[in-house]
Amino acid sequence: MVKLAKLLNLNAYQLSELINTQFRKHYNDFINHYRVQEAKNLMKLNQNTGTRQICYESGFNTYSSFHRAFQKETGKSPDEWRKNHPAA
């Protein structure tokens, strides 16, 4: 968060407030939304790449946080989502 805040010439508190008010999300949920979108794109493009590898390539540090964020964002586990969305 600090790096992004500096890029925008804000402090971390200001960035957090901006995201909370403009996007109605907490910072982590805001970032995880984009990580999950990236994971979904990677799963469609790379059918042979394992879900755990996709987790790390999309910016998550642990599989448990990836799984939790993915389920929260899509309503499905990564593997369930992948089965219903074939390659692009």
PDB file of N, CA and C in Angstrom:
ATOM      1  N   MET A   1       0.824  -1.179   0.000  1.00  0.00           N
ATOM      2  CA  MET A   1       0.000   0.000   0.000  1.00  0.00           C
ATOM      3  C   MET A   1       0.873   1.249   0.000  1.00  0.00           C
ATOM      4  N   VAL A   2       1.958   1.191   0.704  1.00  0.00           N
ATOM      5  CA  VAL A   2       2.823   2.366   0.821  1.00  0.00           C
ATOM      6  C   VAL A   2       3.374   2.777  -0.544  1.00  0.00           C
ATOM      7  N   LYS A   3       3.781   1.799  -1.366  1.00  0.00           N
ATOM      8  CA  LYS A   3       4.314   2.120  -2.691  1.00  0.00           C
ATOM      9  C   LYS A   3       3.263   2.787  -3.560  1.00  0.00           C
ATOM     10  N   LEU A   4       2.059   2.239  -3.550  1.00  0.00           N
ATOM     11  CA  LEU A   4       0.983   2.825  -4.344  1.00  0.00           C
ATOM     12  C   LEU A   4       0.650   4.225  -3.843  1.00  0.00           C
ATOM     13  N   ALA A   5       0.598   4.386  -2.542  1.00  0.00           N
ATOM     14  CA  ALA A   5       0.307   5.703  -1.968  1.00  0.00           C
ATOM     15  C   ALA A   5       1.359   6.724  -2.413  1.00  0.00           C
ATOM     16  N   LYS A   6       2.618   6.336  -2.377  1.00  0.00           N
ATOM     17  CA  LYS A   6       3.686   7.252  -2.795  1.00  0.00           C
ATOM     18  C   LYS A   6       3.564   7.617  -4.270  1.00  0.00           C
ATOM     19  N   LEU A   7       3.215   6.623  -5.101  1.00  0.00           N
ATOM     20  CA  LEU A   7       3.040   6.902  -6.524  1.00  0.00           C
ATOM     21  C   LEU A   7       1.928   7.919  -6.766  1.00  0.00           C
ATOM     22  N   LEU A   8       0.921   7.903  -5.912  1.00  0.00           N
ATOM     23  CA  LEU A   8      -0.208   8.820  -6.047  1.00  0.00           C
ATOM     24  C   LEU A   8      -0.036  10.094  -5.229  1.00  0.00           C
ATOM     25  N   ASN A   9       1.131  10.205  -4.597  1.00  0.00           N
ATOM     26  CA  ASN A   9       1.440  11.364  -3.753  1.00  0.00           C
ATOM     27  C   ASN A   9       0.449  11.493  -2.590  1.00  0.00           C
ATOM     28  N   LEU A  10       0.129  10.364  -1.989  1.00  0.00           N
ATOM     29  CA  LEU A  10      -0.757  10.298  -0.825  1.00  0.00           C
ATOM     30  C   LEU A  10      -0.049   9.545   0.279  1.00  0.00           C
ATOM     31  N   ASN A  11      -0.560   9.651   1.511  1.00  0.00           N
ATOM     32  CA  ASN A  11      -0.063   8.762   2.548  1.00  0.00           C
ATOM     33  C   ASN A  11      -0.984   7.536   2.584  1.00  0.00           C
ATOM     34  N   ALA A  12      -0.593   6.512   3.315  1.00  0.00           N
ATOM     35  CA  ALA A  12      -1.348   5.255   3.331  1.00  0.00           C
ATOM     36  C   ALA A  12      -2.777   5.460   3.828  1.00  0.00           C
ATOM     37  N   TYR A  13      -2.959   6.308   4.819  1.00  0.00           N
ATOM     38  CA  TYR A  13      -4.298   6.577   5.345  1.00  0.00           C
ATOM     39  C   TYR A  13      -5.183   7.217   4.271  1.00  0.00           C
ATOM     40  N   GLN A  14      -4.643   8.174   3.542  1.00  0.00           N
ATOM     41  CA  GLN A  14      -5.413   8.844   2.494  1.00  0.00           C
ATOM     42  C   GLN A  14      -5.804   7.871   1.379  1.00  0.00           C
ATOM     43  N   LEU A  15      -4.868   7.006   1.008  1.00  0.00           N
ATOM     44  CA  LEU A  15      -5.162   6.010  -0.021  1.00  0.00           C
ATOM     45  C   LEU A  15      -6.259   5.058   0.447  1.00  0.00           C
ATOM     46  N   SER A  16      -6.159   4.609   1.672  1.00  0.00           N
ATOM     47  CA  SER A  16      -7.176   3.718   2.226  1.00  0.00           C
ATOM     48  C   SER A  16      -8.553   4.381   2.229  1.00  0.00           C
ATOM     49  N   GLU A  17      -8.601   5.624   2.657  1.00  0.00           N
ATOM     50  CA  GLU A  17      -9.864   6.375   2.667  1.00  0.00           C
ATOM     51  C   GLU A  17     -10.422   6.546   1.252  1.00  0.00           C
ATOM     52  N   LEU A  18      -9.559   6.837   0.309  1.00  0.00           N
ATOM     53  CA  LEU A  18      -9.974   6.999  -1.075  1.00  0.00           C
ATOM     54  C   LEU A  18     -10.610   5.715  -1.612  1.00  0.00           C
ATOM     55  N   ILE A  19      -9.962   4.607  -1.390  1.00  0.00           N
ATOM     56  CA  ILE A  19     -10.488   3.327  -1.855  1.00  0.00           C
ATOM     57  C   ILE A  19     -11.797   2.991  -1.147  1.00  0.00           C
ATOM     58  N   ASN A  20     -11.842   3.218   0.158  1.00  0.00           N
ATOM     59  CA  ASN A  20     -13.061   2.927   0.919  1.00  0.00           C
ATOM     60  C   ASN A  20     -14.238   3.749   0.414  1.00  0.00           C
ATOM     61  N   THR A  21     -14.025   5.023   0.139  1.00  0.00           N
ATOM     62  CA  THR A  21     -15.146   5.887  -0.247  1.00  0.00           C
ATOM     63  C   THR A  21     -15.500   5.756  -1.727  1.00  0.00           C
ATOM     64  N   GLN A  22     -14.509   5.667  -2.585  1.00  0.00           N
ATOM     65  CA  GLN A  22     -14.780   5.628  -4.020  1.00  0.00           C
ATOM     66  C   GLN A  22     -15.189   4.245  -4.534  1.00  0.00           C
ATOM     67  N   PHE A  23     -14.621   3.195  -3.951  1.00  0.00           N
ATOM     68  CA  PHE A  23     -14.878   1.843  -4.442  1.00  0.00           C
ATOM     69  C   PHE A  23     -15.695   1.003  -3.463  1.00  0.00           C
ATOM     70  N   ARG A  24     -15.941   1.567  -2.283  1.00  0.00           N
ATOM     71  CA  ARG A  24     -16.696   0.883  -1.238  1.00  0.00           C
ATOM     72  C   ARG A  24     -16.128  -0.496  -0.916  1.00  0.00           C
ATOM     73  N   LYS A  25     -14.809  -0.544  -0.894  1.00  0.00           N
ATOM     74  CA  LYS A  25     -14.084  -1.770  -0.562  1.00  0.00           C
ATOM     75  C   LYS A  25     -12.907  -1.418   0.329  1.00  0.00           C
ATOM     76  N   HIS A  26     -12.512  -2.383   1.145  1.00  0.00           N
ATOM     77  CA  HIS A  26     -11.279  -2.230   1.896  1.00  0.00           C
ATOM     78  C   HIS A  26     -10.111  -2.433   0.934  1.00  0.00           C
ATOM     79  N   TYR A  27      -8.967  -1.912   1.294  1.00  0.00           N
ATOM     80  CA  TYR A  27      -7.794  -1.987   0.421  1.00  0.00           C
ATOM     81  C   TYR A  27      -7.519  -3.420  -0.026  1.00  0.00           C
ATOM     82  N   ASN A  28      -7.488  -4.371   0.904  1.00  0.00           N
ATOM     83  CA  ASN A  28      -7.178  -5.758   0.540  1.00  0.00           C
ATOM     84  C   ASN A  28      -8.205  -6.335  -0.417  1.00  0.00           C
ATOM     85  N   ASP A  29      -9.480  -6.049  -0.208  1.00  0.00           N
ATOM     86  CA  ASP A  29     -10.517  -6.526  -1.116  1.00  0.00           C
ATOM     87  C   ASP A  29     -10.358  -5.891  -2.500  1.00  0.00           C
ATOM     88  N   PHE A  30      -9.994  -4.632  -2.522  1.00  0.00           N
ATOM     89  CA  PHE A  30      -9.771  -3.912  -3.774  1.00  0.00           C
ATOM     90  C   PHE A  30      -8.640  -4.574  -4.569  1.00  0.00           C
ATOM     91  N   ILE A  31      -7.524  -4.811  -3.923  1.00  0.00           N
ATOM     92  CA  ILE A  31      -6.374  -5.445  -4.581  1.00  0.00           C
ATOM     93  C   ILE A  31      -6.701  -6.882  -4.975  1.00  0.00           C
ATOM     94  N   ASN A  32      -7.347  -7.609  -4.081  1.00  0.00           N
ATOM     95  CA  ASN A  32      -7.676  -9.010  -4.374  1.00  0.00           C
ATOM     96  C   ASN A  32      -8.629  -9.148  -5.546  1.00  0.00           C
ATOM     97  N   HIS A  33      -9.504  -8.172  -5.735  1.00  0.00           N
ATOM     98  CA  HIS A  33     -10.395  -8.204  -6.903  1.00  0.00           C
ATOM     99  C   HIS A  33      -9.564  -8.305  -8.186  1.00  0.00           C
ATOM    100  N   TYR A  34      -8.547  -7.471  -8.304  1.00  0.00           N
ATOM    101  CA  TYR A  34      -7.709  -7.483  -9.499  1.00  0.00           C
ATOM    102  C   TYR A  34      -6.840  -8.736  -9.583  1.00  0.00           C
ATOM    103  N   ARG A  35      -6.407  -9.235  -8.456  1.00  0.00           N
ATOM    104  CA  ARG A  35      -5.645 -10.484  -8.457  1.00  0.00           C
ATOM    105  C   ARG A  35      -6.512 -11.643  -8.925  1.00  0.00           C
ATOM    106  N   VAL A  36      -7.755 -11.692  -8.466  1.00  0.00           N
ATOM    107  CA  VAL A  36      -8.664 -12.765  -8.881  1.00  0.00           C
ATOM    108  C   VAL A  36      -8.958 -12.646 -10.377  1.00  0.00           C
ATOM    109  N   GLN A  37      -9.143 -11.425 -10.877  1.00  0.00           N
ATOM    110  CA  GLN A  37      -9.365 -11.241 -12.311  1.00  0.00           C
ATOM    111  C   GLN A  37      -8.168 -11.774 -13.100  1.00  0.00           C
ATOM    112  N   GLU A  38      -6.973 -11.489 -12.628  1.00  0.00           N
ATOM    113  CA  GLU A  38      -5.759 -11.988 -13.283  1.00  0.00           C
ATOM    114  C   GLU A  38      -5.712 -13.510 -13.220  1.00  0.00           C
ATOM    115  N   ALA A  39      -6.063 -14.076 -12.083  1.00  0.00           N
ATOM    116  CA  ALA A  39      -6.067 -15.536 -11.934  1.00  0.00           C
ATOM    117  C   ALA A  39      -7.049 -16.165 -12.921  1.00  0.00           C
ATOM    118  N   LYS A  40      -8.222 -15.585 -13.064  1.00  0.00           N
ATOM    119  CA  LYS A  40      -9.212 -16.107 -14.003  1.00  0.00           C
ATOM    120  C   LYS A  40      -8.678 -16.046 -15.434  1.00  0.00           C
ATOM    121  N   ASN A  41      -8.040 -14.948 -15.790  1.00  0.00           N
ATOM    122  CA  ASN A  41      -7.442 -14.841 -17.128  1.00  0.00           C
ATOM    123  C   ASN A  41      -6.358 -15.890 -17.337  1.00  0.00           C
ATOM    124  N   LEU A  42      -5.506 -16.066 -16.337  1.00  0.00           N
ATOM    125  CA  LEU A  42      -4.434 -17.060 -16.440  1.00  0.00           C
ATOM    126  C   LEU A  42      -4.994 -18.473 -16.546  1.00  0.00           C
ATOM    127  N   MET A  43      -6.059 -18.764 -15.813  1.00  0.00           N
ATOM    128  CA  MET A  43      -6.659 -20.100 -15.886  1.00  0.00           C
ATOM    129  C   MET A  43      -7.236 -20.372 -17.269  1.00  0.00           C
ATOM    130  N   LYS A  44      -7.829 -19.360 -17.881  1.00  0.00           N
ATOM    131  CA  LYS A  44      -8.389 -19.535 -19.225  1.00  0.00           C
ATOM    132  C   LYS A  44      -7.285 -19.723 -20.264  1.00  0.00           C
ATOM    133  N   LEU A  45      -6.202 -18.974 -20.111  1.00  0.00           N
ATOM    134  CA  LEU A  45      -5.124 -19.022 -21.096  1.00  0.00           C
ATOM    135  C   LEU A  45      -4.177 -20.197 -20.916  1.00  0.00           C
ATOM    136  N   ASN A  46      -4.070 -20.687 -19.689  1.00  0.00           N
ATOM    137  CA  ASN A  46      -3.083 -21.727 -19.364  1.00  0.00           C
ATOM    138  C   ASN A  46      -3.765 -22.918 -18.710  1.00  0.00           C
ATOM    139  N   GLN A  47      -4.489 -23.686 -19.489  1.00  0.00           N
ATOM    140  CA  GLN A  47      -5.235 -24.816 -18.946  1.00  0.00           C
ATOM    141  C   GLN A  47      -4.332 -25.863 -18.286  1.00  0.00           C
ATOM    142  N   ASN A  48      -3.086 -25.940 -18.691  1.00  0.00           N
ATOM    143  CA  ASN A  48      -2.179 -26.944 -18.133  1.00  0.00           C
ATOM    144  C   ASN A  48      -1.426 -26.471 -16.895  1.00  0.00           C
ATOM    145  N   THR A  49      -1.570 -25.207 -16.539  1.00  0.00           N
ATOM    146  CA  THR A  49      -0.896 -24.679 -15.363  1.00  0.00           C
ATOM    147  C   THR A  49      -1.748 -24.956 -14.138  1.00  0.00           C
ATOM    148  N   GLY A  50      -1.135 -25.492 -13.101  1.00  0.00           N
ATOM    149  CA  GLY A  50      -1.860 -25.837 -11.886  1.00  0.00           C
ATOM    150  C   GLY A  50      -2.412 -24.620 -11.157  1.00  0.00           C
ATOM    151  N   THR A  51      -3.457 -24.864 -10.392  1.00  0.00           N
ATOM    152  CA  THR A  51      -4.114 -23.787  -9.662  1.00  0.00           C
ATOM    153  C   THR A  51      -3.170 -23.125  -8.663  1.00  0.00           C
ATOM    154  N   ARG A  52      -2.335 -23.903  -8.014  1.00  0.00           N
ATOM    155  CA  ARG A  52      -1.389 -23.306  -7.062  1.00  0.00           C
ATOM    156  C   ARG A  52      -0.405 -22.367  -7.762  1.00  0.00           C
ATOM    157  N   GLN A  53       0.054 -22.754  -8.925  1.00  0.00           N
ATOM    158  CA  GLN A  53       0.964 -21.890  -9.683  1.00  0.00           C
ATOM    159  C   GLN A  53       0.248 -20.602 -10.098  1.00  0.00           C
ATOM    160  N   ILE A  54      -0.992 -20.729 -10.535  1.00  0.00           N
ATOM    161  CA  ILE A  54      -1.803 -19.558 -10.901  1.00  0.00           C
ATOM    162  C   ILE A  54      -1.932 -18.629  -9.698  1.00  0.00           C
ATOM    163  N   CYS A  55      -2.124 -19.215  -8.529  1.00  0.00           N
ATOM    164  CA  CYS A  55      -2.242 -18.442  -7.286  1.00  0.00           C
ATOM    165  C   CYS A  55      -1.054 -17.501  -7.131  1.00  0.00           C
ATOM    166  N   TYR A  56       0.138 -18.029  -7.257  1.00  0.00           N
ATOM    167  CA  TYR A  56       1.343 -17.218  -7.054  1.00  0.00           C
ATOM    168  C   TYR A  56       1.580 -16.256  -8.216  1.00  0.00           C
ATOM    169  N   GLU A  57       1.275 -16.682  -9.431  1.00  0.00           N
ATOM    170  CA  GLU A  57       1.469 -15.824 -10.597  1.00  0.00           C
ATOM    171  C   GLU A  57       0.519 -14.625 -10.583  1.00  0.00           C
ATOM    172  N   SER A  58      -0.601 -14.765  -9.918  1.00  0.00           N
ATOM    173  CA  SER A  58      -1.565 -13.660  -9.871  1.00  0.00           C
ATOM    174  C   SER A  58      -1.343 -12.735  -8.677  1.00  0.00           C
ATOM    175  N   GLY A  59      -0.312 -13.007  -7.873  1.00  0.00           N
ATOM    176  CA  GLY A  59       0.076 -12.068  -6.834  1.00  0.00           C
ATOM    177  C   GLY A  59      -0.244 -12.453  -5.403  1.00  0.00           C
ATOM    178  N   PHE A  60      -0.825 -13.627  -5.194  1.00  0.00           N
ATOM    179  CA  PHE A  60      -1.114 -14.062  -3.834  1.00  0.00           C
ATOM    180  C   PHE A  60       0.124 -14.709  -3.226  1.00  0.00           C
ATOM    181  N   ASN A  61       0.273 -14.580  -1.906  1.00  0.00           N
ATOM    182  CA  ASN A  61       1.425 -15.160  -1.216  1.00  0.00           C
ATOM    183  C   ASN A  61       1.145 -16.547  -0.670  1.00  0.00           C
ATOM    184  N   THR A  62      -0.122 -16.852  -0.424  1.00  0.00           N
ATOM    185  CA  THR A  62      -0.482 -18.177   0.089  1.00  0.00           C
ATOM    186  C   THR A  62      -1.698 -18.704  -0.657  1.00  0.00           C
ATOM    187  N   TYR A  63      -1.774 -20.025  -0.754  1.00  0.00           N
ATOM    188  CA  TYR A  63      -2.907 -20.637  -1.434  1.00  0.00           C
ATOM    189  C   TYR A  63      -4.192 -20.415  -0.645  1.00  0.00           C
ATOM    190  N   SER A  64      -4.099 -20.419   0.676  1.00  0.00           N
ATOM    191  CA  SER A  64      -5.314 -20.229   1.482  1.00  0.00           C
ATOM    192  C   SER A  64      -5.909 -18.839   1.269  1.00  0.00           C
ATOM    193  N   SER A  65      -5.074 -17.812   1.185  1.00  0.00           N
ATOM    194  CA  SER A  65      -5.613 -16.471   0.945  1.00  0.00           C
ATOM    195  C   SER A  65      -6.168 -16.363  -0.475  1.00  0.00           C
ATOM    196  N   PHE A  66      -5.529 -17.015  -1.427  1.00  0.00           N
ATOM    197  CA  PHE A  66      -6.036 -17.057  -2.800  1.00  0.00           C
ATOM    198  C   PHE A  66      -7.408 -17.721  -2.844  1.00  0.00           C
ATOM    199  N   HIS A  67      -7.516 -18.885  -2.243  1.00  0.00           N
ATOM    200  CA  HIS A  67      -8.768 -19.643  -2.250  1.00  0.00           C
ATOM    201  C   HIS A  67      -9.888 -18.825  -1.605  1.00  0.00           C
ATOM    202  N   ARG A  68      -9.602 -18.221  -0.470  1.00  0.00           N
ATOM    203  CA  ARG A  68     -10.599 -17.419   0.256  1.00  0.00           C
ATOM    204  C   ARG A  68     -11.054 -16.213  -0.580  1.00  0.00           C
ATOM    205  N   ALA A  69     -10.099 -15.498  -1.171  1.00  0.00           N
ATOM    206  CA  ALA A  69     -10.430 -14.320  -1.977  1.00  0.00           C
ATOM    207  C   ALA A  69     -11.179 -14.722  -3.242  1.00  0.00           C
ATOM    208  N   PHE A  70     -10.775 -15.819  -3.856  1.00  0.00           N
ATOM    209  CA  PHE A  70     -11.426 -16.281  -5.074  1.00  0.00           C
ATOM    210  C   PHE A  70     -12.871 -16.658  -4.790  1.00  0.00           C
ATOM    211  N   GLN A  71     -13.082 -17.380  -3.701  1.00  0.00           N
ATOM    212  CA  GLN A  71     -14.439 -17.790  -3.310  1.00  0.00           C
ATOM    213  C   GLN A  71     -15.292 -16.563  -2.990  1.00  0.00           C
ATOM    214  N   LYS A  72     -14.720 -15.614  -2.314  1.00  0.00           N
ATOM    215  CA  LYS A  72     -15.454 -14.397  -1.959  1.00  0.00           C
ATOM    216  C   LYS A  72     -15.853 -13.615  -3.213  1.00  0.00           C
ATOM    217  N   GLU A  73     -14.963 -13.551  -4.173  1.00  0.00           N
ATOM    218  CA  GLU A  73     -15.188 -12.767  -5.391  1.00  0.00           C
ATOM    219  C   GLU A  73     -16.141 -13.457  -6.370  1.00  0.00           C
ATOM    220  N   THR A  74     -16.033 -14.777  -6.501  1.00  0.00           N
ATOM    221  CA  THR A  74     -16.782 -15.484  -7.544  1.00  0.00           C
ATOM    222  C   THR A  74     -17.904 -16.369  -7.015  1.00  0.00           C
ATOM    223  N   GLY A  75     -17.858 -16.694  -5.730  1.00  0.00           N
ATOM    224  CA  GLY A  75     -18.840 -17.626  -5.176  1.00  0.00           C
ATOM    225  C   GLY A  75     -18.488 -19.083  -5.430  1.00  0.00           C
ATOM    226  N   LYS A  76     -17.323 -19.324  -6.027  1.00  0.00           N
ATOM    227  CA  LYS A  76     -16.871 -20.680  -6.332  1.00  0.00           C
ATOM    228  C   LYS A  76     -15.398 -20.827  -5.973  1.00  0.00           C
ATOM    229  N   SER A  77     -14.995 -22.060  -5.724  1.00  0.00           N
ATOM    230  CA  SER A  77     -13.567 -22.298  -5.514  1.00  0.00           C
ATOM    231  C   SER A  77     -12.861 -22.135  -6.852  1.00  0.00           C
ATOM    232  N   PRO A  78     -11.556 -21.945  -6.850  1.00  0.00           N
ATOM    233  CA  PRO A  78     -10.837 -21.818  -8.124  1.00  0.00           C
ATOM    234  C   PRO A  78     -11.047 -23.032  -9.033  1.00  0.00           C
ATOM    235  N   ASP A  79     -11.019 -24.232  -8.462  1.00  0.00           N
ATOM    236  CA  ASP A  79     -11.199 -25.435  -9.279  1.00  0.00           C
ATOM    237  C   ASP A  79     -12.615 -25.542  -9.831  1.00  0.00           C
ATOM    238  N   GLU A  80     -13.617 -25.191  -9.030  1.00  0.00           N
ATOM    239  CA  GLU A  80     -15.003 -25.191  -9.522  1.00  0.00           C
ATOM    240  C   GLU A  80     -15.161 -24.183 -10.659  1.00  0.00           C
ATOM    241  N   TRP A  81     -14.622 -23.000 -10.465  1.00  0.00           N
ATOM    242  CA  TRP A  81     -14.728 -21.964 -11.489  1.00  0.00           C
ATOM    243  C   TRP A  81     -14.064 -22.424 -12.782  1.00  0.00           C
ATOM    244  N   ARG A  82     -12.905 -23.011 -12.644  1.00  0.00           N
ATOM    245  CA  ARG A  82     -12.135 -23.448 -13.817  1.00  0.00           C
ATOM    246  C   ARG A  82     -12.880 -24.504 -14.635  1.00  0.00           C
ATOM    247  N   LYS A  83     -13.560 -25.403 -13.955  1.00  0.00           N
ATOM    248  CA  LYS A  83     -14.310 -26.452 -14.658  1.00  0.00           C
ATOM    249  C   LYS A  83     -15.431 -25.869 -15.503  1.00  0.00           C
ATOM    250  N   ASN A  84     -15.981 -24.750 -15.071  1.00  0.00           N
ATOM    251  CA  ASN A  84     -17.112 -24.135 -15.773  1.00  0.00           C
ATOM    252  C   ASN A  84     -16.707 -23.074 -16.780  1.00  0.00           C
ATOM    253  N   HIS A  85     -15.402 -22.809 -16.897  1.00  0.00           N
ATOM    254  CA  HIS A  85     -14.925 -21.780 -17.814  1.00  0.00           C
ATOM    255  C   HIS A  85     -13.749 -22.337 -18.630  1.00  0.00           C
ATOM    256  N   PRO A  86     -14.059 -22.907 -19.762  1.00  0.00           N
ATOM    257  CA  PRO A  86     -12.994 -23.510 -20.585  1.00  0.00           C
ATOM    258  C   PRO A  86     -12.036 -22.481 -21.171  1.00  0.00           C
ATOM    259  N   ALA A  87     -11.008 -22.990 -21.758  1.00  0.00           N
ATOM    260  CA  ALA A  87      -9.952 -22.130 -22.334  1.00  0.00           C
ATOM    261  C   ALA A  87     -10.522 -21.131 -23.326  1.00  0.00           C
ATOM    262  N   ALA A  88      -9.852 -19.997 -23.398  1.00  0.00           N
ATOM    263  CA  ALA A  88     -10.278 -18.938 -24.332  1.00  0.00           C
ATOM    264  C   ALA A  88      -9.791 -19.243 -25.731  1.00  0.00           C
TER     265      ALA A  88
END
